[in-house]
Amino acid sequence: MGGSQADIRGTYGMHHPSGRWLVNGSADGLVELTIEPPCYTKHRPIVMFTRGKVKSLTLSLADPDGFIAALQPPGQR
């Protein structure tokens, strides 16, 4: 998790440039999840009827620290 968010601040909605998916309603509380190995979407209108590669997913969250803590293995929370 992590990564630079400077290039997506000020962008709202759902975007998927180069396999980096962004779903947000705010520039605050951004959390980026790295997906390894990358996965692929199905052929849908949202990805122009092509298979979209998903390497990361960035979400805007009300409680980003709580979300990150919930993803930690038991005993590390």
PDB file of N, CA and C in Angstrom:
ATOM      1  N   MET A   1       0.842  -1.168   0.000  1.00  0.00           N
ATOM      2  CA  MET A   1       0.000   0.000   0.000  1.00  0.00           C
ATOM      3  C   MET A   1       0.886   1.229   0.000  1.00  0.00           C
ATOM      4  N   GLY A   2       0.374   2.278  -0.543  1.00  0.00           N
ATOM      5  CA  GLY A   2       1.117   3.518  -0.532  1.00  0.00           C
ATOM      6  C   GLY A   2       1.388   4.002  -1.928  1.00  0.00           C
ATOM      7  N   GLY A   3       2.279   4.947  -2.028  1.00  0.00           N
ATOM      8  CA  GLY A   3       2.609   5.500  -3.334  1.00  0.00           C
ATOM      9  C   GLY A   3       2.257   6.960  -3.391  1.00  0.00           C
ATOM     10  N   SER A   4       2.770   7.646  -4.359  1.00  0.00           N
ATOM     11  CA  SER A   4       2.545   9.074  -4.507  1.00  0.00           C
ATOM     12  C   SER A   4       1.137   9.341  -5.010  1.00  0.00           C
ATOM     13  N   GLN A   5       0.446  10.234  -4.341  1.00  0.00           N
ATOM     14  CA  GLN A   5      -0.903  10.606  -4.741  1.00  0.00           C
ATOM     15  C   GLN A   5      -0.919  11.965  -5.427  1.00  0.00           C
ATOM     16  N   ALA A   6       0.238  12.619  -5.561  1.00  0.00           N
ATOM     17  CA  ALA A   6       0.293  13.974  -6.099  1.00  0.00           C
ATOM     18  C   ALA A   6      -0.311  14.067  -7.495  1.00  0.00           C
ATOM     19  N   ASP A   7      -0.191  13.027  -8.305  1.00  0.00           N
ATOM     20  CA  ASP A   7      -0.666  13.080  -9.674  1.00  0.00           C
ATOM     21  C   ASP A   7      -2.171  12.900  -9.804  1.00  0.00           C
ATOM     22  N   ILE A   8      -2.876  12.534  -8.726  1.00  0.00           N
ATOM     23  CA  ILE A   8      -4.320  12.326  -8.836  1.00  0.00           C
ATOM     24  C   ILE A   8      -5.122  13.276  -7.966  1.00  0.00           C
ATOM     25  N   ARG A   9      -4.473  14.070  -7.147  1.00  0.00           N
ATOM     26  CA  ARG A   9      -5.216  15.038  -6.329  1.00  0.00           C
ATOM     27  C   ARG A   9      -5.943  16.014  -7.247  1.00  0.00           C
ATOM     28  N   GLY A  10      -7.174  16.353  -6.869  1.00  0.00           N
ATOM     29  CA  GLY A  10      -7.964  17.249  -7.691  1.00  0.00           C
ATOM     30  C   GLY A  10      -8.797  16.521  -8.731  1.00  0.00           C
ATOM     31  N   THR A  11      -8.666  15.200  -8.789  1.00  0.00           N
ATOM     32  CA  THR A  11      -9.439  14.381  -9.718  1.00  0.00           C
ATOM     33  C   THR A  11     -10.481  13.618  -8.909  1.00  0.00           C
ATOM     34  N   TYR A  12     -11.728  13.658  -9.369  1.00  0.00           N
ATOM     35  CA  TYR A  12     -12.807  12.986  -8.644  1.00  0.00           C
ATOM     36  C   TYR A  12     -13.580  12.090  -9.597  1.00  0.00           C
ATOM     37  N   GLY A  13     -14.134  11.002  -9.072  1.00  0.00           N
ATOM     38  CA  GLY A  13     -14.915  10.082  -9.877  1.00  0.00           C
ATOM     39  C   GLY A  13     -14.233   8.741  -9.968  1.00  0.00           C
ATOM     40  N   MET A  14     -14.326   8.106 -11.118  1.00  0.00           N
ATOM     41  CA  MET A  14     -13.659   6.829 -11.335  1.00  0.00           C
ATOM     42  C   MET A  14     -12.812   6.951 -12.595  1.00  0.00           C
ATOM     43  N   HIS A  15     -11.544   6.644 -12.455  1.00  0.00           N
ATOM     44  CA  HIS A  15     -10.600   6.758 -13.564  1.00  0.00           C
ATOM     45  C   HIS A  15      -9.697   5.536 -13.546  1.00  0.00           C
ATOM     46  N   HIS A  16      -9.167   5.171 -14.695  1.00  0.00           N
ATOM     47  CA  HIS A  16      -8.311   3.982 -14.749  1.00  0.00           C
ATOM     48  C   HIS A  16      -7.198   4.127 -15.774  1.00  0.00           C
ATOM     49  N   PRO A  17      -6.308   5.124 -15.598  1.00  0.00           N
ATOM     50  CA  PRO A  17      -5.195   5.257 -16.541  1.00  0.00           C
ATOM     51  C   PRO A  17      -4.101   4.232 -16.269  1.00  0.00           C
ATOM     52  N   SER A  18      -3.673   3.552 -17.282  1.00  0.00           N
ATOM     53  CA  SER A  18      -2.516   2.639 -17.206  1.00  0.00           C
ATOM     54  C   SER A  18      -2.605   1.611 -16.084  1.00  0.00           C
ATOM     55  N   GLY A  19      -3.794   1.125 -15.816  1.00  0.00           N
ATOM     56  CA  GLY A  19      -3.937   0.086 -14.805  1.00  0.00           C
ATOM     57  C   GLY A  19      -3.988   0.584 -13.381  1.00  0.00           C
ATOM     58  N   ARG A  20      -3.954   1.898 -13.174  1.00  0.00           N
ATOM     59  CA  ARG A  20      -4.053   2.479 -11.836  1.00  0.00           C
ATOM     60  C   ARG A  20      -5.465   3.018 -11.674  1.00  0.00           C
ATOM     61  N   TRP A  21      -6.322   2.289 -10.993  1.00  0.00           N
ATOM     62  CA  TRP A  21      -7.716   2.670 -10.840  1.00  0.00           C
ATOM     63  C   TRP A  21      -7.886   3.608  -9.661  1.00  0.00           C
ATOM     64  N   LEU A  22      -8.687   4.630  -9.852  1.00  0.00           N
ATOM     65  CA  LEU A  22      -8.990   5.623  -8.826  1.00  0.00           C
ATOM     66  C   LEU A  22     -10.493   5.718  -8.686  1.00  0.00           C
ATOM     67  N   VAL A  23     -10.994   5.552  -7.468  1.00  0.00           N
ATOM     68  CA  VAL A  23     -12.408   5.731  -7.172  1.00  0.00           C
ATOM     69  C   VAL A  23     -12.454   6.668  -5.974  1.00  0.00           C
ATOM     70  N   ASN A  24     -12.857   7.919  -6.214  1.00  0.00           N
ATOM     71  CA  ASN A  24     -12.859   8.867  -5.106  1.00  0.00           C
ATOM     72  C   ASN A  24     -13.902   9.950  -5.284  1.00  0.00           C
ATOM     73  N   GLY A  25     -14.269  10.520  -4.164  1.00  0.00           N
ATOM     74  CA  GLY A  25     -15.165  11.664  -4.144  1.00  0.00           C
ATOM     75  C   GLY A  25     -14.489  12.837  -3.470  1.00  0.00           C
ATOM     76  N   SER A  26     -13.242  12.639  -3.091  1.00  0.00           N
ATOM     77  CA  SER A  26     -12.489  13.656  -2.375  1.00  0.00           C
ATOM     78  C   SER A  26     -10.999  13.441  -2.630  1.00  0.00           C
ATOM     79  N   ALA A  27     -10.226  14.504  -2.428  1.00  0.00           N
ATOM     80  CA  ALA A  27      -8.768  14.375  -2.530  1.00  0.00           C
ATOM     81  C   ALA A  27      -8.173  14.030  -1.172  1.00  0.00           C
ATOM     82  N   ASP A  28      -9.015  13.907  -0.161  1.00  0.00           N
ATOM     83  CA  ASP A  28      -8.563  13.581   1.194  1.00  0.00           C
ATOM     84  C   ASP A  28      -8.769  12.105   1.488  1.00  0.00           C
ATOM     85  N   GLY A  29      -7.962  11.570   2.395  1.00  0.00           N
ATOM     86  CA  GLY A  29      -8.117  10.195   2.840  1.00  0.00           C
ATOM     87  C   GLY A  29      -7.818   9.157   1.771  1.00  0.00           C
ATOM     88  N   LEU A  30      -6.920   9.480   0.843  1.00  0.00           N
ATOM     89  CA  LEU A  30      -6.614   8.547  -0.243  1.00  0.00           C
ATOM     90  C   LEU A  30      -5.725   7.403   0.242  1.00  0.00           C
ATOM     91  N   VAL A  31      -6.114   6.196  -0.125  1.00  0.00           N
ATOM     92  CA  VAL A  31      -5.345   4.989   0.182  1.00  0.00           C
ATOM     93  C   VAL A  31      -5.175   4.225  -1.120  1.00  0.00           C
ATOM     94  N   GLU A  32      -3.934   3.855  -1.435  1.00  0.00           N
ATOM     95  CA  GLU A  32      -3.658   3.097  -2.653  1.00  0.00           C
ATOM     96  C   GLU A  32      -3.323   1.660  -2.289  1.00  0.00           C
ATOM     97  N   LEU A  33      -4.042   0.726  -2.883  1.00  0.00           N
ATOM     98  CA  LEU A  33      -3.784  -0.700  -2.715  1.00  0.00           C
ATOM     99  C   LEU A  33      -3.078  -1.193  -3.975  1.00  0.00           C
ATOM    100  N   THR A  34      -1.948  -1.844  -3.802  1.00  0.00           N
ATOM    101  CA  THR A  34      -1.241  -2.438  -4.926  1.00  0.00           C
ATOM    102  C   THR A  34      -1.754  -3.855  -5.108  1.00  0.00           C
ATOM    103  N   ILE A  35      -2.098  -4.211  -6.325  1.00  0.00           N
ATOM    104  CA  ILE A  35      -2.644  -5.535  -6.621  1.00  0.00           C
ATOM    105  C   ILE A  35      -1.560  -6.329  -7.340  1.00  0.00           C
ATOM    106  N   GLU A  36      -1.069  -7.361  -6.667  1.00  0.00           N
ATOM    107  CA  GLU A  36       0.043  -8.154  -7.186  1.00  0.00           C
ATOM    108  C   GLU A  36      -0.297  -9.629  -7.077  1.00  0.00           C
ATOM    109  N   PRO A  37      -0.378 -10.364  -8.129  1.00  0.00           N
ATOM    110  CA  PRO A  37      -0.215  -9.929  -9.513  1.00  0.00           C
ATOM    111  C   PRO A  37      -1.438  -9.123  -9.961  1.00  0.00           C
ATOM    112  N   PRO A  38      -1.284  -8.300 -10.991  1.00  0.00           N
ATOM    113  CA  PRO A  38      -2.411  -7.519 -11.492  1.00  0.00           C
ATOM    114  C   PRO A  38      -3.558  -8.430 -11.927  1.00  0.00           C
ATOM    115  N   CYS A  39      -4.755  -7.897 -11.856  1.00  0.00           N
ATOM    116  CA  CYS A  39      -5.921  -8.645 -12.342  1.00  0.00           C
ATOM    117  C   CYS A  39      -6.502  -7.894 -13.540  1.00  0.00           C
ATOM    118  N   TYR A  40      -7.498  -8.464 -14.158  1.00  0.00           N
ATOM    119  CA  TYR A  40      -8.088  -7.874 -15.353  1.00  0.00           C
ATOM    120  C   TYR A  40      -9.591  -7.806 -15.217  1.00  0.00           C
ATOM    121  N   THR A  41     -10.172  -6.732 -15.741  1.00  0.00           N
ATOM    122  CA  THR A  41     -11.618  -6.590 -15.754  1.00  0.00           C
ATOM    123  C   THR A  41     -12.183  -7.426 -16.900  1.00  0.00           C
ATOM    124  N   LYS A  42     -13.478  -7.611 -16.865  1.00  0.00           N
ATOM    125  CA  LYS A  42     -14.154  -8.271 -17.983  1.00  0.00           C
ATOM    126  C   LYS A  42     -14.410  -7.231 -19.073  1.00  0.00           C
ATOM    127  N   HIS A  43     -14.821  -7.681 -20.233  1.00  0.00           N
ATOM    128  CA  HIS A  43     -15.165  -6.791 -21.345  1.00  0.00           C
ATOM    129  C   HIS A  43     -16.454  -6.056 -20.978  1.00  0.00           C
ATOM    130  N   ARG A  44     -16.335  -4.785 -20.612  1.00  0.00           N
ATOM    131  CA  ARG A  44     -17.486  -3.980 -20.202  1.00  0.00           C
ATOM    132  C   ARG A  44     -17.408  -2.599 -20.847  1.00  0.00           C
ATOM    133  N   PRO A  45     -18.553  -1.919 -20.966  1.00  0.00           N
ATOM    134  CA  PRO A  45     -18.534  -0.563 -21.532  1.00  0.00           C
ATOM    135  C   PRO A  45     -17.627   0.388 -20.758  1.00  0.00           C
ATOM    136  N   ILE A  46     -17.517   0.216 -19.445  1.00  0.00           N
ATOM    137  CA  ILE A  46     -16.721   1.126 -18.624  1.00  0.00           C
ATOM    138  C   ILE A  46     -15.243   1.107 -18.997  1.00  0.00           C
ATOM    139  N   VAL A  47     -14.777   0.019 -19.592  1.00  0.00           N
ATOM    140  CA  VAL A  47     -13.381  -0.062 -20.038  1.00  0.00           C
ATOM    141  C   VAL A  47     -13.319  -0.178 -21.559  1.00  0.00           C
ATOM    142  N   MET A  48     -14.288   0.479 -22.225  1.00  0.00           N
ATOM    143  CA  MET A  48     -14.328   0.529 -23.688  1.00  0.00           C
ATOM    144  C   MET A  48     -14.374  -0.862 -24.317  1.00  0.00           C
ATOM    145  N   PHE A  49     -15.045  -1.793 -23.650  1.00  0.00           N
ATOM    146  CA  PHE A  49     -15.226  -3.161 -24.131  1.00  0.00           C
ATOM    147  C   PHE A  49     -13.915  -3.918 -24.280  1.00  0.00           C
ATOM    148  N   THR A  50     -12.891  -3.489 -23.583  1.00  0.00           N
ATOM    149  CA  THR A  50     -11.626  -4.213 -23.576  1.00  0.00           C
ATOM    150  C   THR A  50     -11.383  -4.746 -22.167  1.00  0.00           C
ATOM    151  N   ARG A  51     -10.445  -5.614 -22.036  1.00  0.00           N
ATOM    152  CA  ARG A  51     -10.066  -6.092 -20.714  1.00  0.00           C
ATOM    153  C   ARG A  51      -9.111  -5.079 -20.119  1.00  0.00           C
ATOM    154  N   GLY A  52      -9.490  -4.507 -18.984  1.00  0.00           N
ATOM    155  CA  GLY A  52      -8.642  -3.510 -18.346  1.00  0.00           C
ATOM    156  C   GLY A  52      -7.750  -4.144 -17.305  1.00  0.00           C
ATOM    157  N   LYS A  53      -6.495  -3.755 -17.308  1.00  0.00           N
ATOM    158  CA  LYS A  53      -5.546  -4.242 -16.321  1.00  0.00           C
ATOM    159  C   LYS A  53      -5.713  -3.424 -15.044  1.00  0.00           C
ATOM    160  N   VAL A  54      -5.674  -4.084 -13.896  1.00  0.00           N
ATOM    161  CA  VAL A  54      -5.782  -3.405 -12.612  1.00  0.00           C
ATOM    162  C   VAL A  54      -4.523  -3.718 -11.809  1.00  0.00           C
ATOM    163  N   LYS A  55      -3.618  -2.719 -11.708  1.00  0.00           N
ATOM    164  CA  LYS A  55      -2.373  -2.868 -10.952  1.00  0.00           C
ATOM    165  C   LYS A  55      -2.493  -2.246  -9.568  1.00  0.00           C
ATOM    166  N   SER A  56      -3.351  -1.235  -9.453  1.00  0.00           N
ATOM    167  CA  SER A  56      -3.568  -0.601  -8.154  1.00  0.00           C
ATOM    168  C   SER A  56      -4.959  -0.004  -8.114  1.00  0.00           C
ATOM    169  N   LEU A  57      -5.450   0.167  -6.904  1.00  0.00           N
ATOM    170  CA  LEU A  57      -6.762   0.751  -6.678  1.00  0.00           C
ATOM    171  C   LEU A  57      -6.600   1.800  -5.593  1.00  0.00           C
ATOM    172  N   THR A  58      -6.950   3.045  -5.913  1.00  0.00           N
ATOM    173  CA  THR A  58      -6.881   4.131  -4.940  1.00  0.00           C
ATOM    174  C   THR A  58      -8.298   4.537  -4.580  1.00  0.00           C
ATOM    175  N   LEU A  59      -8.564   4.590  -3.298  1.00  0.00           N
ATOM    176  CA  LEU A  59      -9.887   4.928  -2.773  1.00  0.00           C
ATOM    177  C   LEU A  59      -9.780   6.137  -1.857  1.00  0.00           C
ATOM    178  N   SER A  60     -10.811   6.973  -1.829  1.00  0.00           N
ATOM    179  CA  SER A  60     -10.882   8.026  -0.821  1.00  0.00           C
ATOM    180  C   SER A  60     -11.774   7.490   0.293  1.00  0.00           C
ATOM    181  N   LEU A  61     -11.247   7.526   1.506  1.00  0.00           N
ATOM    182  CA  LEU A  61     -11.936   6.917   2.640  1.00  0.00           C
ATOM    183  C   LEU A  61     -12.111   7.914   3.776  1.00  0.00           C
ATOM    184  N   ALA A  62     -13.212   7.778   4.523  1.00  0.00           N
ATOM    185  CA  ALA A  62     -13.449   8.630   5.690  1.00  0.00           C
ATOM    186  C   ALA A  62     -12.465   8.302   6.804  1.00  0.00           C
ATOM    187  N   ASP A  63     -12.060   7.031   6.903  1.00  0.00           N
ATOM    188  CA  ASP A  63     -11.141   6.605   7.960  1.00  0.00           C
ATOM    189  C   ASP A  63     -10.021   5.765   7.354  1.00  0.00           C
ATOM    190  N   PRO A  64      -9.087   6.407   6.640  1.00  0.00           N
ATOM    191  CA  PRO A  64      -8.036   5.630   5.987  1.00  0.00           C
ATOM    192  C   PRO A  64      -7.163   4.861   6.972  1.00  0.00           C
ATOM    193  N   ASP A  65      -6.869   5.437   8.128  1.00  0.00           N
ATOM    194  CA  ASP A  65      -6.041   4.730   9.107  1.00  0.00           C
ATOM    195  C   ASP A  65      -6.745   3.483   9.640  1.00  0.00           C
ATOM    196  N   GLY A  66      -8.055   3.581   9.871  1.00  0.00           N
ATOM    197  CA  GLY A  66      -8.828   2.420  10.319  1.00  0.00           C
ATOM    198  C   GLY A  66      -8.871   1.333   9.263  1.00  0.00           C
ATOM    199  N   PHE A  67      -8.985   1.730   7.997  1.00  0.00           N
ATOM    200  CA  PHE A  67      -8.990   0.772   6.891  1.00  0.00           C
ATOM    201  C   PHE A  67      -7.658   0.035   6.817  1.00  0.00           C
ATOM    202  N   ILE A  68      -6.566   0.785   6.875  1.00  0.00           N
ATOM    203  CA  ILE A  68      -5.237   0.177   6.815  1.00  0.00           C
ATOM    204  C   ILE A  68      -5.028  -0.750   8.012  1.00  0.00           C
ATOM    205  N   ALA A  69      -5.462  -0.344   9.196  1.00  0.00           N
ATOM    206  CA  ALA A  69      -5.328  -1.182  10.386  1.00  0.00           C
ATOM    207  C   ALA A  69      -6.117  -2.477  10.229  1.00  0.00           C
ATOM    208  N   ALA A  70      -7.295  -2.407   9.615  1.00  0.00           N
ATOM    209  CA  ALA A  70      -8.109  -3.613   9.437  1.00  0.00           C
ATOM    210  C   ALA A  70      -7.464  -4.613   8.475  1.00  0.00           C
ATOM    211  N   LEU A  71      -6.574  -4.143   7.608  1.00  0.00           N
ATOM    212  CA  LEU A  71      -5.903  -5.031   6.666  1.00  0.00           C
ATOM    213  C   LEU A  71      -4.666  -5.698   7.244  1.00  0.00           C
ATOM    214  N   GLN A  72      -4.233  -5.253   8.403  1.00  0.00           N
ATOM    215  CA  GLN A  72      -3.030  -5.816   9.027  1.00  0.00           C
ATOM    216  C   GLN A  72      -3.322  -7.216   9.563  1.00  0.00           C
ATOM    217  N   PRO A  73      -2.347  -8.095   9.522  1.00  0.00           N
ATOM    218  CA  PRO A  73      -2.528  -9.441  10.067  1.00  0.00           C
ATOM    219  C   PRO A  73      -2.805  -9.373  11.570  1.00  0.00           C
ATOM    220  N   PRO A  74      -3.539 -10.358  12.099  1.00  0.00           N
ATOM    221  CA  PRO A  74      -3.800 -10.387  13.543  1.00  0.00           C
ATOM    222  C   PRO A  74      -2.476 -10.293  14.320  1.00  0.00           C
ATOM    223  N   GLY A  75      -2.499  -9.551  15.394  1.00  0.00           N
ATOM    224  CA  GLY A  75      -1.303  -9.370  16.211  1.00  0.00           C
ATOM    225  C   GLY A  75      -0.491  -8.159  15.814  1.00  0.00           C
ATOM    226  N   GLN A  76      -0.759  -7.575  14.643  1.00  0.00           N
ATOM    227  CA  GLN A  76      -0.037  -6.367  14.204  1.00  0.00           C
ATOM    228  C   GLN A  76      -0.941  -5.160  14.177  1.00  0.00           C
ATOM    229  N   ARG A  77      -2.159  -5.310  14.655  1.00  0.00           N
ATOM    230  CA  ARG A  77      -3.130  -4.201  14.635  1.00  0.00           C
ATOM    231  C   ARG A  77      -2.932  -3.300  15.814  1.00  0.00           C
TER     232      ARG A  77
END
